């Protein structure tokens, strides 16, 4: 019985994955699903967004789209706060990593991009 339980538990843990982190900057809370970090650069700033939410039926595409959308929105908000215009964020240059915890039903995404000043 202990052997069967340990095999089932191991199988459940193998099914869990977290997104790969592209940076190690500290993250601040934006809303209940989103954390972000901004790293200043001479020509703009680097931005990292960690987005996660519960999904009964996994829809990674929906989470990836929401994650990229949050990254873009936070970049524009930061631009407004600093008072400098930014160039459009090229969606093709956003690096994302996805993960899913099958036990808790949380699908997560980490997105990173470099945003340049105009």
N, C-alpha and C. Protein backbone atom coordinates (compact mmCIF):
# COMPACT_ATOMS: atom_id res chain seq x y z
N UNK A 1 0.82 -1.19 0.00
CA UNK A 1 0.00 0.00 0.00
C UNK A 1 0.87 1.26 0.00
N UNK A 2 1.93 1.26 0.82
CA UNK A 2 2.83 2.41 0.86
C UNK A 2 3.51 2.62 -0.49
N UNK A 3 3.83 1.54 -1.15
CA UNK A 3 4.48 1.62 -2.46
C UNK A 3 3.55 2.28 -3.48
N UNK A 4 2.29 1.89 -3.47
CA UNK A 4 1.31 2.46 -4.41
C UNK A 4 1.11 3.95 -4.13
N UNK A 5 0.99 4.32 -2.86
CA UNK A 5 0.82 5.72 -2.51
C UNK A 5 2.04 6.56 -2.91
N UNK A 6 3.23 6.02 -2.71
CA UNK A 6 4.43 6.78 -3.07
C UNK A 6 4.55 6.92 -4.59
N UNK A 7 4.12 5.93 -5.35
CA UNK A 7 4.14 6.02 -6.81
C UNK A 7 3.12 7.06 -7.29
N UNK A 8 1.93 7.05 -6.72
CA UNK A 8 0.91 8.03 -7.11
C UNK A 8 1.37 9.44 -6.75
N UNK A 9 1.93 9.62 -5.58
CA UNK A 9 2.41 10.93 -5.16
C UNK A 9 3.53 11.42 -6.07
N UNK A 10 4.45 10.53 -6.42
CA UNK A 10 5.55 10.89 -7.33
C UNK A 10 5.02 11.28 -8.70
N UNK A 11 4.03 10.54 -9.19
CA UNK A 11 3.45 10.85 -10.50
C UNK A 11 2.78 12.23 -10.49
N UNK A 12 2.12 12.58 -9.40
CA UNK A 12 1.49 13.90 -9.30
C UNK A 12 2.53 15.02 -9.29
N UNK A 13 3.64 14.81 -8.60
CA UNK A 13 4.68 15.82 -8.55
C UNK A 13 5.37 16.00 -9.89
N UNK A 14 5.52 14.93 -10.64
CA UNK A 14 6.14 15.01 -11.96
C UNK A 14 5.28 15.84 -12.89
N UNK A 15 3.99 15.85 -12.71
CA UNK A 15 3.07 16.61 -13.56
C UNK A 15 3.07 18.10 -13.30
N UNK A 16 3.81 18.58 -12.32
CA UNK A 16 3.86 20.01 -12.00
C UNK A 16 5.06 20.65 -12.68
N UNK A 17 4.85 21.83 -13.24
CA UNK A 17 5.93 22.57 -13.87
C UNK A 17 5.76 24.05 -13.59
N UNK A 18 6.87 24.73 -13.36
CA UNK A 18 6.84 26.17 -13.17
C UNK A 18 7.55 26.83 -14.34
N UNK A 19 7.19 28.07 -14.66
CA UNK A 19 7.85 28.74 -15.77
C UNK A 19 9.32 29.03 -15.45
N UNK A 20 10.14 29.03 -16.48
CA UNK A 20 11.56 29.32 -16.33
C UNK A 20 11.73 30.83 -16.17
N UNK A 21 12.53 31.23 -15.21
CA UNK A 21 12.77 32.65 -14.98
C UNK A 21 13.88 33.15 -15.90
N UNK A 22 13.64 34.24 -16.63
CA UNK A 22 14.64 34.81 -17.53
C UNK A 22 15.49 35.87 -16.83
N UNK A 23 15.02 36.39 -15.69
CA UNK A 23 15.75 37.40 -14.93
C UNK A 23 15.64 37.08 -13.45
N UNK A 24 16.41 37.79 -12.66
CA UNK A 24 16.33 37.59 -11.21
C UNK A 24 16.01 38.89 -10.47
N UNK A 25 15.29 39.82 -11.14
CA UNK A 25 14.92 41.07 -10.48
C UNK A 25 13.75 40.81 -9.53
N UNK A 26 13.68 41.56 -8.43
CA UNK A 26 12.57 41.38 -7.49
C UNK A 26 11.25 41.84 -8.11
N UNK A 27 10.18 41.15 -7.78
CA UNK A 27 8.86 41.45 -8.34
C UNK A 27 7.96 42.11 -7.31
N UNK A 28 7.12 43.05 -7.78
CA UNK A 28 6.14 43.72 -6.95
C UNK A 28 4.75 43.29 -7.39
N UNK A 29 3.79 43.34 -6.49
CA UNK A 29 2.42 42.95 -6.81
C UNK A 29 1.74 44.05 -7.62
N UNK A 30 1.10 43.66 -8.71
CA UNK A 30 0.32 44.58 -9.54
C UNK A 30 -1.17 44.39 -9.28
N UNK A 31 -1.64 43.14 -9.36
CA UNK A 31 -3.01 42.79 -8.98
C UNK A 31 -3.00 41.35 -8.47
N UNK A 32 -4.17 40.78 -8.26
CA UNK A 32 -4.22 39.45 -7.63
C UNK A 32 -3.58 38.35 -8.48
N UNK A 33 -3.47 38.55 -9.79
CA UNK A 33 -2.89 37.54 -10.67
C UNK A 33 -1.50 37.90 -11.19
N UNK A 34 -1.04 39.12 -10.95
CA UNK A 34 0.15 39.63 -11.63
C UNK A 34 1.18 40.21 -10.68
N UNK A 35 2.44 39.88 -10.94
CA UNK A 35 3.58 40.51 -10.28
C UNK A 35 4.49 41.02 -11.39
N UNK A 36 5.23 42.09 -11.12
CA UNK A 36 6.10 42.64 -12.15
C UNK A 36 7.37 43.21 -11.55
N UNK A 37 8.38 43.36 -12.40
CA UNK A 37 9.63 43.99 -12.01
C UNK A 37 10.15 44.80 -13.17
N UNK A 38 10.75 45.95 -12.86
CA UNK A 38 11.30 46.83 -13.89
C UNK A 38 12.76 47.10 -13.57
N UNK A 39 13.59 46.98 -14.59
CA UNK A 39 15.03 47.19 -14.46
C UNK A 39 15.43 48.30 -15.44
N UNK A 40 15.88 49.44 -14.91
CA UNK A 40 16.23 50.58 -15.75
C UNK A 40 17.47 50.29 -16.59
N UNK A 41 17.46 50.84 -17.81
CA UNK A 41 18.59 50.75 -18.75
C UNK A 41 18.78 52.13 -19.36
N UNK A 42 19.90 52.33 -20.02
CA UNK A 42 20.18 53.63 -20.63
C UNK A 42 19.17 53.97 -21.72
N UNK A 43 18.82 52.99 -22.54
CA UNK A 43 17.96 53.23 -23.70
C UNK A 43 16.50 52.88 -23.44
N UNK A 44 16.15 52.55 -22.21
CA UNK A 44 14.77 52.18 -21.87
C UNK A 44 14.73 51.43 -20.56
N UNK A 45 14.04 50.30 -20.55
CA UNK A 45 13.97 49.47 -19.34
C UNK A 45 13.62 48.04 -19.71
N UNK A 46 14.02 47.14 -18.84
CA UNK A 46 13.62 45.74 -18.96
C UNK A 46 12.43 45.51 -18.05
N UNK A 47 11.49 44.71 -18.50
CA UNK A 47 10.30 44.44 -17.70
C UNK A 47 10.06 42.94 -17.65
N UNK A 48 9.73 42.46 -16.48
CA UNK A 48 9.39 41.05 -16.27
C UNK A 48 8.02 40.99 -15.60
N UNK A 49 7.17 40.11 -16.11
CA UNK A 49 5.83 39.93 -15.56
C UNK A 49 5.63 38.45 -15.25
N UNK A 50 5.12 38.17 -14.05
CA UNK A 50 4.72 36.82 -13.68
C UNK A 50 3.21 36.84 -13.51
N UNK A 51 2.52 36.05 -14.31
CA UNK A 51 1.06 36.03 -14.31
C UNK A 51 0.60 34.59 -14.05
N UNK A 52 -0.34 34.41 -13.13
CA UNK A 52 -0.87 33.07 -12.87
C UNK A 52 -2.32 33.15 -12.46
N UNK A 53 -3.07 32.12 -12.83
CA UNK A 53 -4.48 32.06 -12.43
C UNK A 53 -4.95 30.61 -12.46
N UNK A 54 -6.02 30.37 -11.70
CA UNK A 54 -6.63 29.04 -11.64
C UNK A 54 -7.42 28.78 -12.93
N UNK A 55 -7.27 27.58 -13.45
CA UNK A 55 -8.05 27.14 -14.61
C UNK A 55 -8.44 25.69 -14.41
N UNK A 56 -9.73 25.44 -14.38
CA UNK A 56 -10.20 24.06 -14.26
C UNK A 56 -9.80 23.27 -15.50
N UNK A 57 -10.06 23.86 -16.67
CA UNK A 57 -9.62 23.28 -17.94
C UNK A 57 -8.45 24.12 -18.42
N UNK A 58 -7.26 23.51 -18.55
CA UNK A 58 -6.07 24.30 -18.93
C UNK A 58 -6.21 24.94 -20.32
N UNK A 59 -6.00 26.24 -20.36
CA UNK A 59 -5.97 26.99 -21.62
C UNK A 59 -4.71 27.84 -21.61
N UNK A 60 -3.60 27.26 -22.00
CA UNK A 60 -2.32 27.95 -21.97
C UNK A 60 -2.31 29.17 -22.88
N UNK A 61 -2.98 29.10 -24.02
CA UNK A 61 -3.01 30.24 -24.94
C UNK A 61 -3.65 31.46 -24.30
N UNK A 62 -4.73 31.25 -23.55
CA UNK A 62 -5.41 32.37 -22.89
C UNK A 62 -4.50 33.01 -21.84
N UNK A 63 -3.77 32.20 -21.08
CA UNK A 63 -2.86 32.72 -20.07
C UNK A 63 -1.69 33.44 -20.73
N UNK A 64 -1.15 32.89 -21.81
CA UNK A 64 -0.04 33.54 -22.52
C UNK A 64 -0.47 34.90 -23.07
N UNK A 65 -1.67 34.97 -23.63
CA UNK A 65 -2.18 36.23 -24.17
C UNK A 65 -2.37 37.26 -23.05
N UNK A 66 -2.95 36.83 -21.94
CA UNK A 66 -3.15 37.73 -20.80
C UNK A 66 -1.81 38.20 -20.22
N UNK A 67 -0.84 37.32 -20.19
CA UNK A 67 0.48 37.64 -19.67
C UNK A 67 1.15 38.71 -20.53
N UNK A 68 1.12 38.53 -21.84
CA UNK A 68 1.70 39.53 -22.75
C UNK A 68 0.95 40.85 -22.67
N UNK A 69 -0.35 40.78 -22.52
CA UNK A 69 -1.16 41.98 -22.41
C UNK A 69 -0.81 42.75 -21.13
N UNK A 70 -0.63 42.05 -20.03
CA UNK A 70 -0.24 42.69 -18.78
C UNK A 70 1.14 43.33 -18.91
N UNK A 71 2.08 42.64 -19.57
CA UNK A 71 3.42 43.19 -19.76
C UNK A 71 3.34 44.51 -20.51
N UNK A 72 2.57 44.54 -21.59
CA UNK A 72 2.44 45.75 -22.39
C UNK A 72 1.76 46.87 -21.60
N UNK A 73 0.69 46.55 -20.88
CA UNK A 73 -0.02 47.56 -20.10
C UNK A 73 0.87 48.16 -19.01
N UNK A 74 1.63 47.32 -18.32
CA UNK A 74 2.51 47.81 -17.26
C UNK A 74 3.63 48.64 -17.86
N UNK A 75 4.14 48.26 -19.02
CA UNK A 75 5.18 49.06 -19.68
C UNK A 75 4.67 50.46 -20.00
N UNK A 76 3.46 50.56 -20.53
CA UNK A 76 2.88 51.88 -20.84
C UNK A 76 2.62 52.68 -19.57
N UNK A 77 2.16 52.03 -18.51
CA UNK A 77 1.94 52.73 -17.24
C UNK A 77 3.24 53.27 -16.68
N UNK A 78 4.30 52.47 -16.77
CA UNK A 78 5.61 52.92 -16.29
C UNK A 78 6.10 54.11 -17.11
N UNK A 79 5.88 54.04 -18.42
CA UNK A 79 6.25 55.14 -19.31
C UNK A 79 5.54 56.43 -18.91
N UNK A 80 4.25 56.34 -18.63
CA UNK A 80 3.47 57.51 -18.20
C UNK A 80 3.98 58.05 -16.87
N UNK A 81 4.31 57.14 -15.95
CA UNK A 81 4.78 57.54 -14.63
C UNK A 81 6.12 58.27 -14.72
N UNK A 82 7.00 57.80 -15.59
CA UNK A 82 8.32 58.40 -15.75
C UNK A 82 8.24 59.67 -16.60
N UNK A 83 7.25 59.73 -17.48
CA UNK A 83 7.08 60.90 -18.33
C UNK A 83 7.87 60.85 -19.62
N UNK A 84 8.25 59.65 -20.05
CA UNK A 84 8.98 59.48 -21.30
C UNK A 84 8.19 58.54 -22.20
N UNK A 85 8.05 58.88 -23.48
CA UNK A 85 7.34 57.99 -24.40
C UNK A 85 8.19 56.77 -24.74
N UNK A 86 7.52 55.65 -24.98
CA UNK A 86 8.23 54.42 -25.37
C UNK A 86 7.85 54.04 -26.79
N UNK A 87 8.75 53.29 -27.42
CA UNK A 87 8.44 52.71 -28.72
C UNK A 87 7.45 51.57 -28.50
N UNK A 88 6.70 51.22 -29.52
CA UNK A 88 5.76 50.11 -29.39
C UNK A 88 6.49 48.83 -28.98
N UNK A 89 5.88 48.07 -28.10
CA UNK A 89 6.46 46.81 -27.65
C UNK A 89 6.19 45.76 -28.73
N UNK A 90 7.25 45.22 -29.30
CA UNK A 90 7.13 44.21 -30.33
C UNK A 90 6.78 42.88 -29.68
N UNK A 91 5.59 42.37 -29.95
CA UNK A 91 5.13 41.13 -29.33
C UNK A 91 6.04 39.94 -29.68
N UNK A 92 6.68 40.00 -30.82
CA UNK A 92 7.57 38.90 -31.22
C UNK A 92 8.84 38.86 -30.38
N UNK A 93 9.17 39.96 -29.71
CA UNK A 93 10.39 40.03 -28.89
C UNK A 93 10.13 39.71 -27.42
N UNK A 94 8.88 39.46 -27.06
CA UNK A 94 8.55 39.10 -25.67
C UNK A 94 8.88 37.62 -25.46
N UNK A 95 9.74 37.34 -24.50
CA UNK A 95 10.11 35.95 -24.19
C UNK A 95 9.16 35.46 -23.10
N UNK A 96 8.50 34.34 -23.36
CA UNK A 96 7.58 33.80 -22.36
C UNK A 96 7.95 32.37 -22.01
N UNK A 97 7.58 31.99 -20.81
CA UNK A 97 7.75 30.63 -20.33
C UNK A 97 6.47 30.27 -19.58
N UNK A 98 5.92 29.10 -19.87
CA UNK A 98 4.65 28.67 -19.29
C UNK A 98 4.87 27.52 -18.31
N UNK A 99 3.96 27.40 -17.36
CA UNK A 99 3.99 26.30 -16.42
C UNK A 99 2.58 25.99 -15.93
N UNK A 100 2.39 24.79 -15.42
CA UNK A 100 1.08 24.38 -14.90
C UNK A 100 1.28 23.45 -13.73
N UNK A 101 0.53 23.70 -12.66
CA UNK A 101 0.50 22.82 -11.51
C UNK A 101 -0.80 22.04 -11.60
N UNK A 102 -0.70 20.77 -11.93
CA UNK A 102 -1.87 19.93 -12.12
C UNK A 102 -2.65 19.68 -10.84
N UNK A 103 -1.99 19.77 -9.70
CA UNK A 103 -2.67 19.52 -8.42
C UNK A 103 -3.55 20.71 -8.04
N UNK A 104 -3.00 21.91 -8.13
CA UNK A 104 -3.76 23.10 -7.73
C UNK A 104 -4.57 23.71 -8.87
N UNK A 105 -4.25 23.35 -10.11
CA UNK A 105 -4.97 23.90 -11.26
C UNK A 105 -4.50 25.28 -11.66
N UNK A 106 -3.33 25.71 -11.17
CA UNK A 106 -2.79 27.02 -11.49
C UNK A 106 -1.95 26.94 -12.76
N UNK A 107 -2.29 27.77 -13.75
CA UNK A 107 -1.48 27.92 -14.95
C UNK A 107 -0.74 29.24 -14.81
N UNK A 108 0.58 29.23 -15.08
CA UNK A 108 1.37 30.43 -14.87
C UNK A 108 2.25 30.73 -16.08
N UNK A 109 2.64 31.99 -16.17
CA UNK A 109 3.43 32.47 -17.28
C UNK A 109 4.41 33.51 -16.76
N UNK A 110 5.62 33.49 -17.26
CA UNK A 110 6.57 34.56 -16.99
C UNK A 110 7.00 35.14 -18.33
N UNK A 111 6.87 36.45 -18.47
CA UNK A 111 7.21 37.14 -19.71
C UNK A 111 8.26 38.21 -19.42
N UNK A 112 9.19 38.37 -20.36
CA UNK A 112 10.26 39.35 -20.22
C UNK A 112 10.44 40.06 -21.55
N UNK A 113 10.68 41.38 -21.49
CA UNK A 113 10.92 42.15 -22.72
C UNK A 113 11.80 43.35 -22.39
N UNK A 114 12.46 43.85 -23.42
CA UNK A 114 13.20 45.10 -23.34
C UNK A 114 12.35 46.16 -24.03
N UNK A 115 12.12 47.27 -23.35
CA UNK A 115 11.31 48.37 -23.89
C UNK A 115 12.24 49.57 -24.08
N UNK A 116 12.21 50.15 -25.28
CA UNK A 116 13.09 51.28 -25.60
C UNK A 116 12.33 52.59 -25.57
N UNK A 117 13.04 53.64 -25.14
CA UNK A 117 12.48 54.98 -25.20
C UNK A 117 12.41 55.41 -26.66
N UNK A 118 11.49 56.30 -26.96
CA UNK A 118 11.42 56.84 -28.34
C UNK A 118 12.54 57.80 -28.57
